[in-house]
Amino acid sequence: MKTDNALKNKSLAFGIRITRLSKYFIKQTSCAEHPIFTQILKSGTSIGANIRESEFGESSDDFKHKLKIALKEANETEYWIEILHKSEYINDEQYDSIIVDCKE
């Protein structure tokens, strides 16, 4: 029987959340602001992609390396979330909610 993988599930849910956030902002803002949303979309979805890649790592070192990349992408995503918050694209409540997911 296969067990549930919390890391895999949470990273997928977070990637979906970031995708929806980016989609919303891209529809609502001017083209000049799109790079911010493109960057958070890339880094936020890369977390789960690297976790998935780690499952089939060619070695223990490769497995660890993929997870470290996922951690780096999470850190970058945290930066973009802070930018969105400090530039008032998202309010305190939205920030508090999404930053918890990112750090988790």
N, C-alpha and C. Protein backbone atom coordinates (compact mmCIF):
# COMPACT_ATOMS: atom_id res chain seq x y z
N MET A 1 0.84 -1.18 0.00
CA MET A 1 0.00 0.00 0.00
C MET A 1 0.88 1.24 0.00
N LYS A 2 0.58 2.15 -0.88
CA LYS A 2 1.37 3.37 -0.99
C LYS A 2 0.92 4.38 0.09
N THR A 3 1.90 4.99 0.74
CA THR A 3 1.58 5.97 1.77
C THR A 3 1.48 7.36 1.16
N ASP A 4 0.76 8.22 1.83
CA ASP A 4 0.59 9.60 1.39
C ASP A 4 1.90 10.37 1.58
N ASN A 5 2.25 11.20 0.62
CA ASN A 5 3.49 11.97 0.67
C ASN A 5 3.12 13.44 0.91
N ALA A 6 3.26 13.89 2.15
CA ALA A 6 2.86 15.25 2.52
C ALA A 6 3.65 16.31 1.74
N LEU A 7 4.94 16.10 1.57
CA LEU A 7 5.77 17.07 0.87
C LEU A 7 5.31 17.23 -0.59
N LYS A 8 5.04 16.12 -1.22
CA LYS A 8 4.57 16.11 -2.60
C LYS A 8 3.20 16.81 -2.71
N ASN A 9 2.31 16.48 -1.80
CA ASN A 9 0.96 17.06 -1.82
C ASN A 9 0.97 18.56 -1.53
N LYS A 10 1.75 18.97 -0.54
CA LYS A 10 1.80 20.39 -0.18
C LYS A 10 2.47 21.22 -1.27
N SER A 11 3.50 20.68 -1.89
CA SER A 11 4.17 21.44 -2.95
C SER A 11 3.26 21.57 -4.18
N LEU A 12 2.46 20.54 -4.45
CA LEU A 12 1.50 20.63 -5.55
C LEU A 12 0.43 21.67 -5.25
N ALA A 13 -0.12 21.64 -4.05
CA ALA A 13 -1.14 22.61 -3.66
C ALA A 13 -0.58 24.04 -3.71
N PHE A 14 0.66 24.20 -3.26
CA PHE A 14 1.28 25.53 -3.29
C PHE A 14 1.50 25.99 -4.74
N GLY A 15 1.96 25.09 -5.59
CA GLY A 15 2.14 25.43 -7.00
C GLY A 15 0.84 25.87 -7.66
N ILE A 16 -0.24 25.19 -7.32
CA ILE A 16 -1.56 25.57 -7.85
C ILE A 16 -1.95 26.94 -7.33
N ARG A 17 -1.71 27.18 -6.07
CA ARG A 17 -2.03 28.48 -5.47
C ARG A 17 -1.25 29.61 -6.15
N ILE A 18 0.03 29.39 -6.38
CA ILE A 18 0.87 30.39 -7.04
C ILE A 18 0.41 30.60 -8.48
N THR A 19 0.03 29.53 -9.16
CA THR A 19 -0.45 29.63 -10.54
C THR A 19 -1.72 30.49 -10.59
N ARG A 20 -2.62 30.24 -9.68
CA ARG A 20 -3.87 31.03 -9.64
C ARG A 20 -3.60 32.49 -9.30
N LEU A 21 -2.69 32.73 -8.37
CA LEU A 21 -2.32 34.09 -8.00
C LEU A 21 -1.73 34.83 -9.20
N SER A 22 -0.81 34.19 -9.89
CA SER A 22 -0.18 34.80 -11.06
C SER A 22 -1.20 35.06 -12.16
N LYS A 23 -2.05 34.11 -12.40
CA LYS A 23 -3.10 34.25 -13.43
C LYS A 23 -4.00 35.45 -13.11
N TYR A 24 -4.38 35.58 -11.86
CA TYR A 24 -5.23 36.70 -11.43
C TYR A 24 -4.52 38.03 -11.67
N PHE A 25 -3.28 38.15 -11.22
CA PHE A 25 -2.58 39.41 -11.37
C PHE A 25 -2.26 39.75 -12.81
N ILE A 26 -1.92 38.76 -13.61
CA ILE A 26 -1.63 39.03 -15.02
C ILE A 26 -2.87 39.59 -15.72
N LYS A 27 -4.03 39.11 -15.35
CA LYS A 27 -5.29 39.63 -15.93
C LYS A 27 -5.59 41.05 -15.45
N GLN A 28 -5.15 41.37 -14.22
CA GLN A 28 -5.52 42.64 -13.58
C GLN A 28 -4.53 43.78 -13.80
N THR A 29 -3.32 43.50 -14.24
CA THR A 29 -2.29 44.54 -14.27
C THR A 29 -1.76 44.79 -15.67
N SER A 30 -0.93 45.81 -15.77
CA SER A 30 -0.35 46.18 -17.07
C SER A 30 0.80 45.24 -17.44
N CYS A 31 1.15 45.24 -18.69
CA CYS A 31 2.23 44.37 -19.19
C CYS A 31 3.56 44.64 -18.50
N ALA A 32 3.82 45.87 -18.12
CA ALA A 32 5.10 46.22 -17.50
C ALA A 32 5.33 45.46 -16.19
N GLU A 33 4.26 45.04 -15.54
CA GLU A 33 4.39 44.35 -14.26
C GLU A 33 4.48 42.84 -14.41
N HIS A 34 4.30 42.32 -15.58
CA HIS A 34 4.29 40.87 -15.78
C HIS A 34 5.56 40.16 -15.34
N PRO A 35 6.74 40.73 -15.46
CA PRO A 35 7.93 39.99 -15.02
C PRO A 35 7.87 39.52 -13.57
N ILE A 36 7.30 40.29 -12.69
CA ILE A 36 7.17 39.89 -11.29
C ILE A 36 6.34 38.61 -11.20
N PHE A 37 5.23 38.59 -11.90
CA PHE A 37 4.32 37.45 -11.81
C PHE A 37 4.87 36.24 -12.55
N THR A 38 5.63 36.49 -13.60
CA THR A 38 6.28 35.39 -14.31
C THR A 38 7.33 34.75 -13.41
N GLN A 39 8.09 35.56 -12.69
CA GLN A 39 9.13 35.04 -11.80
C GLN A 39 8.55 34.22 -10.66
N ILE A 40 7.49 34.74 -10.02
CA ILE A 40 6.91 33.99 -8.91
C ILE A 40 6.25 32.72 -9.42
N LEU A 41 5.71 32.75 -10.62
CA LEU A 41 5.13 31.55 -11.22
C LEU A 41 6.22 30.50 -11.45
N LYS A 42 7.35 30.93 -11.98
CA LYS A 42 8.45 29.99 -12.25
C LYS A 42 9.00 29.39 -10.96
N SER A 43 9.33 30.25 -10.00
CA SER A 43 9.94 29.74 -8.77
C SER A 43 8.93 28.96 -7.93
N GLY A 44 7.70 29.43 -7.87
CA GLY A 44 6.69 28.77 -7.04
C GLY A 44 6.28 27.40 -7.54
N THR A 45 6.31 27.21 -8.85
CA THR A 45 5.96 25.89 -9.40
C THR A 45 7.19 24.98 -9.49
N SER A 46 8.36 25.57 -9.49
CA SER A 46 9.59 24.79 -9.55
C SER A 46 9.83 23.99 -8.27
N ILE A 47 9.28 24.45 -7.17
CA ILE A 47 9.45 23.75 -5.90
C ILE A 47 8.96 22.31 -6.03
N GLY A 48 7.71 22.18 -6.43
CA GLY A 48 7.12 20.85 -6.58
C GLY A 48 7.77 20.03 -7.68
N ALA A 49 8.15 20.71 -8.77
CA ALA A 49 8.80 20.00 -9.88
C ALA A 49 10.10 19.35 -9.41
N ASN A 50 10.87 20.06 -8.61
CA ASN A 50 12.13 19.51 -8.11
C ASN A 50 11.91 18.41 -7.08
N ILE A 51 10.86 18.55 -6.30
CA ILE A 51 10.52 17.48 -5.35
C ILE A 51 10.15 16.21 -6.11
N ARG A 52 9.37 16.38 -7.17
CA ARG A 52 9.01 15.22 -8.00
C ARG A 52 10.24 14.61 -8.65
N GLU A 53 11.13 15.47 -9.14
CA GLU A 53 12.36 14.97 -9.76
C GLU A 53 13.20 14.18 -8.77
N SER A 54 13.22 14.61 -7.53
CA SER A 54 14.04 13.94 -6.52
C SER A 54 13.61 12.50 -6.28
N GLU A 55 12.33 12.22 -6.52
CA GLU A 55 11.82 10.86 -6.31
C GLU A 55 12.58 9.83 -7.15
N PHE A 56 13.06 10.25 -8.28
CA PHE A 56 13.77 9.34 -9.17
C PHE A 56 15.23 9.75 -9.34
N GLY A 57 15.78 10.28 -8.27
CA GLY A 57 17.19 10.65 -8.28
C GLY A 57 18.06 9.45 -8.61
N GLU A 58 19.11 9.71 -9.32
CA GLU A 58 20.00 8.63 -9.75
C GLU A 58 20.88 8.12 -8.62
N SER A 59 20.97 8.90 -7.56
CA SER A 59 21.77 8.50 -6.41
C SER A 59 21.24 9.26 -5.19
N SER A 60 21.77 8.92 -4.05
CA SER A 60 21.40 9.63 -2.83
C SER A 60 21.80 11.11 -2.93
N ASP A 61 22.97 11.36 -3.52
CA ASP A 61 23.43 12.75 -3.70
C ASP A 61 22.53 13.52 -4.65
N ASP A 62 22.09 12.86 -5.72
CA ASP A 62 21.18 13.50 -6.68
C ASP A 62 19.85 13.82 -6.01
N PHE A 63 19.34 12.89 -5.21
CA PHE A 63 18.11 13.09 -4.46
C PHE A 63 18.23 14.34 -3.56
N LYS A 64 19.30 14.41 -2.81
CA LYS A 64 19.53 15.55 -1.91
C LYS A 64 19.68 16.85 -2.69
N HIS A 65 20.38 16.78 -3.81
CA HIS A 65 20.59 17.98 -4.64
C HIS A 65 19.26 18.55 -5.13
N LYS A 66 18.37 17.69 -5.59
CA LYS A 66 17.06 18.14 -6.09
C LYS A 66 16.26 18.79 -4.96
N LEU A 67 16.33 18.21 -3.78
CA LEU A 67 15.60 18.79 -2.65
C LEU A 67 16.20 20.14 -2.24
N LYS A 68 17.51 20.27 -2.36
CA LYS A 68 18.15 21.56 -2.06
C LYS A 68 17.74 22.62 -3.08
N ILE A 69 17.60 22.22 -4.34
CA ILE A 69 17.12 23.15 -5.36
C ILE A 69 15.70 23.58 -5.03
N ALA A 70 14.86 22.64 -4.61
CA ALA A 70 13.48 22.97 -4.23
C ALA A 70 13.48 23.98 -3.09
N LEU A 71 14.37 23.81 -2.12
CA LEU A 71 14.48 24.75 -1.00
C LEU A 71 14.91 26.14 -1.48
N LYS A 72 15.85 26.18 -2.42
CA LYS A 72 16.29 27.46 -2.98
C LYS A 72 15.15 28.14 -3.73
N GLU A 73 14.36 27.38 -4.45
CA GLU A 73 13.21 27.94 -5.17
C GLU A 73 12.16 28.47 -4.20
N ALA A 74 11.98 27.77 -3.09
CA ALA A 74 11.05 28.24 -2.06
C ALA A 74 11.52 29.57 -1.48
N ASN A 75 12.83 29.69 -1.27
CA ASN A 75 13.39 30.94 -0.77
C ASN A 75 13.18 32.08 -1.76
N GLU A 76 13.40 31.81 -3.04
CA GLU A 76 13.16 32.84 -4.06
C GLU A 76 11.68 33.22 -4.09
N THR A 77 10.81 32.24 -4.00
CA THR A 77 9.37 32.52 -4.00
C THR A 77 8.98 33.38 -2.81
N GLU A 78 9.59 33.10 -1.66
CA GLU A 78 9.35 33.92 -0.48
C GLU A 78 9.72 35.39 -0.75
N TYR A 79 10.83 35.59 -1.44
CA TYR A 79 11.26 36.95 -1.82
C TYR A 79 10.18 37.63 -2.67
N TRP A 80 9.67 36.94 -3.69
CA TRP A 80 8.66 37.54 -4.57
C TRP A 80 7.37 37.82 -3.81
N ILE A 81 7.01 36.97 -2.87
CA ILE A 81 5.82 37.21 -2.05
C ILE A 81 6.02 38.47 -1.21
N GLU A 82 7.21 38.64 -0.67
CA GLU A 82 7.50 39.85 0.12
C GLU A 82 7.42 41.10 -0.77
N ILE A 83 7.91 40.99 -2.00
CA ILE A 83 7.81 42.12 -2.94
C ILE A 83 6.34 42.47 -3.18
N LEU A 84 5.53 41.45 -3.43
CA LEU A 84 4.10 41.69 -3.67
C LEU A 84 3.44 42.34 -2.47
N HIS A 85 3.82 41.93 -1.29
CA HIS A 85 3.23 42.49 -0.08
C HIS A 85 3.69 43.93 0.15
N LYS A 86 4.99 44.15 0.06
CA LYS A 86 5.53 45.49 0.33
C LYS A 86 5.15 46.51 -0.75
N SER A 87 4.83 46.03 -1.94
CA SER A 87 4.39 46.94 -2.99
C SER A 87 2.86 46.99 -3.07
N GLU A 88 2.21 46.39 -2.08
CA GLU A 88 0.76 46.47 -1.87
C GLU A 88 -0.08 45.80 -2.95
N TYR A 89 0.47 44.75 -3.56
CA TYR A 89 -0.34 43.92 -4.45
C TYR A 89 -1.18 42.96 -3.64
N ILE A 90 -0.63 42.53 -2.50
CA ILE A 90 -1.39 41.68 -1.59
C ILE A 90 -1.41 42.33 -0.21
N ASN A 91 -2.52 42.16 0.49
CA ASN A 91 -2.66 42.78 1.81
C ASN A 91 -2.05 41.89 2.89
N ASP A 92 -2.10 42.36 4.12
CA ASP A 92 -1.49 41.62 5.24
C ASP A 92 -2.09 40.22 5.40
N GLU A 93 -3.39 40.12 5.29
CA GLU A 93 -4.07 38.83 5.46
C GLU A 93 -3.64 37.85 4.36
N GLN A 94 -3.60 38.31 3.13
CA GLN A 94 -3.17 37.46 2.02
C GLN A 94 -1.71 37.04 2.20
N TYR A 95 -0.89 37.99 2.58
CA TYR A 95 0.53 37.72 2.81
C TYR A 95 0.70 36.66 3.89
N ASP A 96 0.03 36.87 5.04
CA ASP A 96 0.16 35.94 6.15
C ASP A 96 -0.25 34.52 5.74
N SER A 97 -1.25 34.42 4.92
CA SER A 97 -1.74 33.12 4.49
C SER A 97 -0.76 32.42 3.55
N ILE A 98 -0.31 33.13 2.54
CA ILE A 98 0.54 32.48 1.52
C ILE A 98 1.98 32.28 1.98
N ILE A 99 2.47 33.17 2.85
CA ILE A 99 3.86 33.04 3.31
C ILE A 99 4.01 31.80 4.20
N VAL A 100 2.96 31.49 4.96
CA VAL A 100 2.98 30.29 5.78
C VAL A 100 3.11 29.05 4.91
N ASP A 101 2.33 29.02 3.84
CA ASP A 101 2.41 27.89 2.90
C ASP A 101 3.80 27.80 2.28
N CYS A 102 4.37 28.92 1.92
CA CYS A 102 5.68 28.94 1.29
C CYS A 102 6.75 28.43 2.24
N LYS A 103 6.74 28.90 3.46
CA LYS A 103 7.76 28.49 4.43
C LYS A 103 7.60 27.04 4.86
N GLU A 104 6.38 26.58 4.84
CA GLU A 104 6.11 25.20 5.23
C GLU A 104 6.73 24.24 4.25
